[in-house]
Amino acid sequence: MFNLLQKNINYGEKSIIEYSLINIIRKKLSPSYANIVDSLELVQDKSVLVGPRRYGVLIASNYNIQTLDPKLFDIPWQERILSANITHSKETIEFHTAYIPPGSTNRWKKIETLEGIYKRLAVQTDTKRILCGDFNTPQDELVKYGAVTFAQKINKIGVPKLKESFRGGSGKRWDEGERKILEGLRKYNLIDAYRHIHSIPKKAYSFEFVRKGKVVSQRRFDHFFCSKECYPISAEYLDKLRKNKLSDHSPLVVQFKY
């Protein structure tokens, strides 16, 4: 089984916390994983890692990891993507993990990041690839209409309609930015592993919006896209870990026929 871990990490606001926190995470993971890399260690100027830029991503694996230059992606905040070649006895897999800035707080940084990821990965290749992480999309998934982006509004009869403008910009561009990742990468042999196994009638979510103790909405924000030749045979969200407050998101575990 191909065994690795992808995790969002937070460096914290103060430099004295930044390095101690990442070291704690590594120490916790090191007994189970031989190789650990994170996106924040690749940032040369650590002074930028404050506010919304204090978040990054991490990969842990028992296979050899060779990190790739994050500048291969034209995105606003390079620490929001981590890429590596992961090599085992059979072959090398090109692995990417991302944490997309939420649009509610970072506005168009979200779409600029999604566009940059799509531009980099929208190529035909024989290399097996994986893209996973927290994408902060979609708003919903409907049997008849598929993914509903945040640039759409579902009307009273359940039909999603595109907004002409959204968050101070084009609704069309926002919709395309989300949709190209959710649906457009299929053309380039990156399939949604969860939906490959579970069709849309099965409702799933990895994150809940809670206000004043009440669940306002539930979203499937966390995704695992892979080449179909990886042969995903199971994909499940571990909701119990989220409910037990281990994380605010449910981990997604994908198993391959390898």
Protein backbone atom coordinates (compact mmCIF):
# COMPACT_ATOMS: atom_id res chain seq x y z
CA MET A 1 0.00 0.00 0.00
CA PHE A 2 1.21 3.51 -0.85
CA ASN A 3 1.45 5.09 2.60
CA LEU A 4 1.94 8.81 3.17
CA LEU A 5 0.52 11.69 5.15
CA GLN A 6 -0.55 15.15 4.01
CA LYS A 7 -1.26 17.76 6.68
CA ASN A 8 -1.90 21.49 6.91
CA ILE A 9 0.42 23.21 9.39
CA ASN A 10 0.44 26.56 11.16
CA TYR A 11 3.72 28.28 12.10
CA GLY A 12 2.07 30.72 14.50
CA GLU A 13 2.53 34.46 14.80
CA LYS A 14 5.83 34.68 16.73
CA SER A 15 9.16 33.37 15.54
CA ILE A 16 9.82 31.60 18.85
CA ILE A 17 6.63 29.59 18.27
CA GLU A 18 7.16 29.01 14.56
CA TYR A 19 10.08 26.64 14.76
CA SER A 20 9.07 24.91 17.99
CA LEU A 21 5.66 24.01 16.54
CA ILE A 22 7.01 22.49 13.35
CA ASN A 23 9.57 20.56 15.37
CA ILE A 24 6.79 19.18 17.59
CA ILE A 25 4.87 18.02 14.52
CA ARG A 26 7.95 16.35 13.08
CA LYS A 27 8.75 14.68 16.40
CA LYS A 28 5.23 13.27 16.59
CA LEU A 29 5.42 11.89 13.07
CA SER A 30 9.01 10.65 13.02
CA PRO A 31 8.35 7.26 14.72
CA SER A 32 5.98 6.32 11.89
CA TYR A 33 7.49 8.08 8.88
CA ALA A 34 11.10 7.98 7.71
CA ASN A 35 10.88 11.11 5.56
CA ILE A 36 9.10 14.38 6.39
CA VAL A 37 9.10 17.66 4.44
CA ASP A 38 7.07 20.85 4.79
CA SER A 39 6.44 23.84 2.57
CA LEU A 40 7.43 26.44 5.15
CA GLU A 41 11.03 25.23 5.31
CA LEU A 42 11.34 26.06 1.60
CA VAL A 43 10.48 29.73 2.19
CA GLN A 44 13.72 31.72 2.26
CA ASP A 45 12.35 34.83 3.97
CA LYS A 46 10.59 33.50 7.08
CA SER A 47 9.46 37.01 8.04
CA VAL A 48 6.59 36.76 5.52
CA LEU A 49 5.07 33.80 7.39
CA VAL A 50 2.64 35.82 9.47
CA GLY A 51 -1.12 36.43 9.31
CA PRO A 52 -2.74 34.40 6.52
CA ARG A 53 0.71 33.32 5.33
CA ARG A 54 1.57 31.39 8.50
CA TYR A 55 -0.08 28.24 7.10
CA GLY A 56 1.65 25.57 5.04
CA VAL A 57 1.49 21.90 4.10
CA LEU A 58 3.52 18.83 5.03
CA ILE A 59 4.24 15.44 3.50
CA ALA A 60 5.37 12.41 5.47
CA SER A 61 6.28 9.13 3.77
CA ASN A 62 8.29 5.97 4.25
CA TYR A 63 9.43 6.28 0.64
CA ASN A 64 12.15 8.59 -0.63
CA ILE A 65 11.02 12.21 -1.06
CA GLN A 66 12.67 14.68 -3.43
CA THR A 67 11.06 18.12 -3.11
CA LEU A 68 10.38 20.16 -6.26
CA ASP A 69 10.72 23.93 -6.68
CA PRO A 70 7.46 25.58 -5.52
CA LYS A 71 8.13 28.41 -7.98
CA LEU A 72 7.03 26.03 -10.74
CA PHE A 73 3.55 27.16 -9.68
CA ASP A 74 2.58 30.75 -10.45
CA ILE A 75 0.62 31.39 -7.25
CA PRO A 76 0.54 34.31 -4.77
CA TRP A 77 1.79 32.41 -1.71
CA GLN A 78 4.32 29.70 -2.57
CA GLU A 79 4.04 28.03 0.86
CA ARG A 80 0.48 26.95 0.04
CA ILE A 81 1.78 24.20 -2.29
CA LEU A 82 4.31 21.43 -1.70
CA SER A 83 5.49 19.20 -4.53
CA ALA A 84 7.76 16.19 -4.50
CA ASN A 85 8.79 13.13 -6.42
CA ILE A 86 8.09 10.14 -4.19
CA THR A 87 10.05 7.08 -5.24
CA HIS A 88 9.53 3.45 -4.28
CA SER A 89 10.65 0.16 -5.76
CA LYS A 90 8.34 0.29 -8.78
CA GLU A 91 8.40 3.90 -9.96
CA THR A 92 8.27 7.58 -9.07
CA ILE A 93 5.02 9.43 -8.40
CA GLU A 94 4.74 13.18 -8.81
CA PHE A 95 2.96 14.32 -5.64
CA HIS A 96 1.40 17.72 -4.92
CA THR A 97 -0.42 18.86 -1.82
CA ALA A 98 -2.10 22.23 -1.37
CA TYR A 99 -3.94 24.40 1.09
CA ILE A 100 -6.05 26.90 -0.85
CA PRO A 101 -6.66 30.25 0.89
CA PRO A 102 -10.36 30.59 1.82
CA GLY A 103 -12.15 33.09 -0.40
CA SER A 104 -14.19 34.48 2.48
CA THR A 105 -11.08 35.96 4.12
CA ASN A 106 -8.53 36.11 1.29
CA ARG A 107 -10.86 36.89 -1.60
CA TRP A 108 -9.15 36.55 -5.02
CA LYS A 109 -6.00 34.96 -3.60
CA LYS A 110 -8.11 31.77 -3.63
CA ILE A 111 -8.82 31.93 -7.36
CA GLU A 112 -5.30 33.05 -8.27
CA THR A 113 -3.98 30.00 -6.41
CA LEU A 114 -6.42 27.60 -8.09
CA GLU A 115 -5.63 29.08 -11.51
CA GLY A 116 -1.89 28.70 -10.93
CA ILE A 117 -2.26 25.06 -9.88
CA TYR A 118 -4.43 24.27 -12.88
CA LYS A 119 -1.99 25.97 -15.29
CA ARG A 120 0.90 23.88 -13.94
CA LEU A 121 -0.94 20.52 -13.95
CA ALA A 122 -3.06 20.86 -17.10
CA VAL A 123 -0.61 18.88 -19.22
CA GLN A 124 -0.66 15.41 -20.70
CA THR A 125 1.96 13.14 -19.15
CA ASP A 126 2.68 9.44 -18.66
CA THR A 127 3.92 10.15 -15.12
CA LYS A 128 1.58 9.06 -12.35
CA ARG A 129 0.45 12.10 -10.38
CA ILE A 130 -1.41 12.92 -7.17
CA LEU A 131 -2.89 16.26 -6.10
CA CYS A 132 -4.52 16.49 -2.68
CA GLY A 133 -5.33 18.91 0.11
CA ASP A 134 -7.85 21.43 1.38
CA PHE A 135 -9.31 23.25 -1.64
CA ASN A 136 -12.10 25.21 0.07
CA THR A 137 -14.47 24.19 -2.72
CA PRO A 138 -17.16 23.24 -3.77
CA GLN A 139 -20.16 24.85 -2.17
CA ASP A 140 -22.23 21.73 -2.88
CA GLU A 141 -22.58 18.71 -5.17
CA LEU A 142 -25.87 17.99 -6.91
CA VAL A 143 -26.90 14.84 -8.76
CA LYS A 144 -28.17 16.72 -11.81
CA TYR A 145 -25.68 19.59 -11.94
CA GLY A 146 -22.49 18.25 -10.36
CA ALA A 147 -20.23 20.66 -8.49
CA VAL A 148 -21.71 23.97 -7.38
CA THR A 149 -19.10 26.69 -6.96
CA PHE A 150 -19.26 29.66 -4.62
CA ALA A 151 -19.90 31.93 -7.61
CA GLN A 152 -23.26 30.21 -8.01
CA LYS A 153 -26.47 30.56 -6.06
CA ILE A 154 -28.90 27.67 -5.76
CA ASN A 155 -32.41 29.02 -6.36
CA LYS A 156 -35.63 27.94 -4.67
CA ILE A 157 -36.16 25.04 -7.07
CA GLY A 158 -32.63 23.69 -6.59
CA VAL A 159 -31.02 25.04 -9.78
CA PRO A 160 -27.57 26.68 -9.47
CA LYS A 161 -27.32 30.05 -11.22
CA LEU A 162 -24.06 31.88 -11.95
CA LYS A 163 -23.63 35.29 -10.32
CA GLU A 164 -22.57 38.03 -12.72
CA SER A 165 -20.13 39.42 -10.17
CA PHE A 166 -18.66 37.92 -7.02
CA ARG A 167 -16.32 39.35 -4.35
CA GLY A 168 -15.62 42.42 -6.45
CA GLY A 169 -14.81 40.55 -9.64
CA SER A 170 -16.17 38.36 -12.42
CA GLY A 171 -18.48 35.57 -11.32
CA LYS A 172 -17.53 33.67 -14.47
CA ARG A 173 -13.81 33.77 -13.63
CA TRP A 174 -14.43 32.68 -10.03
CA ASP A 175 -16.63 29.79 -11.21
CA GLU A 176 -14.04 28.67 -13.75
CA GLY A 177 -11.23 28.89 -11.21
CA GLU A 178 -12.93 26.42 -8.89
CA ARG A 179 -14.40 24.24 -11.64
CA LYS A 180 -11.13 23.73 -13.51
CA ILE A 181 -9.70 21.97 -10.46
CA LEU A 182 -12.86 20.06 -9.53
CA GLU A 183 -13.72 18.93 -13.06
CA GLY A 184 -11.21 20.28 -15.59
CA LEU A 185 -8.23 18.20 -14.45
CA ARG A 186 -10.03 15.00 -15.50
CA LYS A 187 -8.98 15.82 -19.06
CA TYR A 188 -5.37 15.56 -17.88
CA ASN A 189 -5.82 12.24 -16.09
CA LEU A 190 -6.35 13.57 -12.57
CA ILE A 191 -9.57 12.03 -11.30
CA ASP A 192 -11.37 12.68 -8.02
CA ALA A 193 -10.55 9.47 -6.12
CA TYR A 194 -13.53 9.81 -3.78
CA ARG A 195 -16.08 10.39 -6.55
CA HIS A 196 -14.46 7.65 -8.63
CA ILE A 197 -15.66 5.25 -5.93
CA HIS A 198 -18.72 7.04 -4.55
CA SER A 199 -21.16 8.73 -6.94
CA ILE A 200 -22.65 12.12 -6.06
CA PRO A 201 -25.88 10.76 -4.50
CA LYS A 202 -23.70 9.76 -1.57
CA LYS A 203 -23.41 12.91 0.49
CA ALA A 204 -20.05 13.46 2.12
CA TYR A 205 -18.39 16.35 3.87
CA SER A 206 -15.06 17.05 5.52
CA PHE A 207 -15.80 20.40 7.14
CA GLU A 208 -18.67 22.01 9.06
CA PHE A 209 -19.48 25.69 9.49
CA VAL A 210 -20.80 26.13 13.02
CA ARG A 211 -22.30 29.35 14.38
CA LYS A 212 -23.61 29.75 17.92
CA GLY A 213 -23.44 26.00 18.39
CA LYS A 214 -25.51 25.23 15.28
CA VAL A 215 -24.28 23.60 12.05
CA VAL A 216 -24.84 26.15 9.28
CA SER A 217 -23.40 24.13 6.39
CA GLN A 218 -21.35 21.06 5.58
CA ARG A 219 -18.79 21.04 2.76
CA ARG A 220 -16.58 18.47 1.03
CA PHE A 221 -13.51 20.71 0.86
CA ASP A 222 -10.78 18.06 1.08
CA HIS A 223 -9.93 16.17 -2.10
CA PHE A 224 -7.56 13.58 -3.51
CA PHE A 225 -7.03 13.67 -7.28
CA CYS A 226 -4.86 11.01 -8.90
CA SER A 227 -3.97 9.38 -12.20
CA LYS A 228 -6.43 6.60 -12.95
CA GLU A 229 -3.46 4.22 -13.25
CA CYS A 230 -3.02 4.53 -9.48
CA TYR A 231 -6.20 2.39 -9.26
CA PRO A 232 -7.90 3.84 -6.16
CA ILE A 233 -10.00 1.10 -4.54
CA SER A 234 -11.24 2.87 -1.41
CA ALA A 235 -11.64 6.45 -0.24
CA GLU A 236 -13.23 7.42 3.07
CA TYR A 237 -13.38 10.48 5.30
CA LEU A 238 -12.48 9.79 8.92
CA ASP A 239 -15.19 11.97 10.45
CA LYS A 240 -14.62 10.59 13.94
CA LEU A 241 -11.23 12.33 14.13
CA ARG A 242 -12.82 15.67 13.29
CA LYS A 243 -15.63 15.14 15.79
CA ASN A 244 -13.04 14.29 18.44
CA LYS A 245 -11.38 17.69 17.72
CA LEU A 246 -8.14 16.25 16.35
CA SER A 247 -8.64 18.63 13.43
CA ASP A 248 -11.36 20.90 12.09
CA HIS A 249 -11.29 18.82 8.89
CA SER A 250 -11.92 15.11 8.39
CA PRO A 251 -8.84 13.30 7.04
CA LEU A 252 -9.36 11.53 3.72
CA VAL A 253 -7.78 8.08 3.47
CA VAL A 254 -7.30 6.67 -0.04
CA GLN A 255 -6.09 3.16 -0.74
CA PHE A 256 -4.71 1.99 -4.06
CA LYS A 257 -4.45 -1.36 -5.80
CA TYR A 258 -0.69 -1.18 -6.19
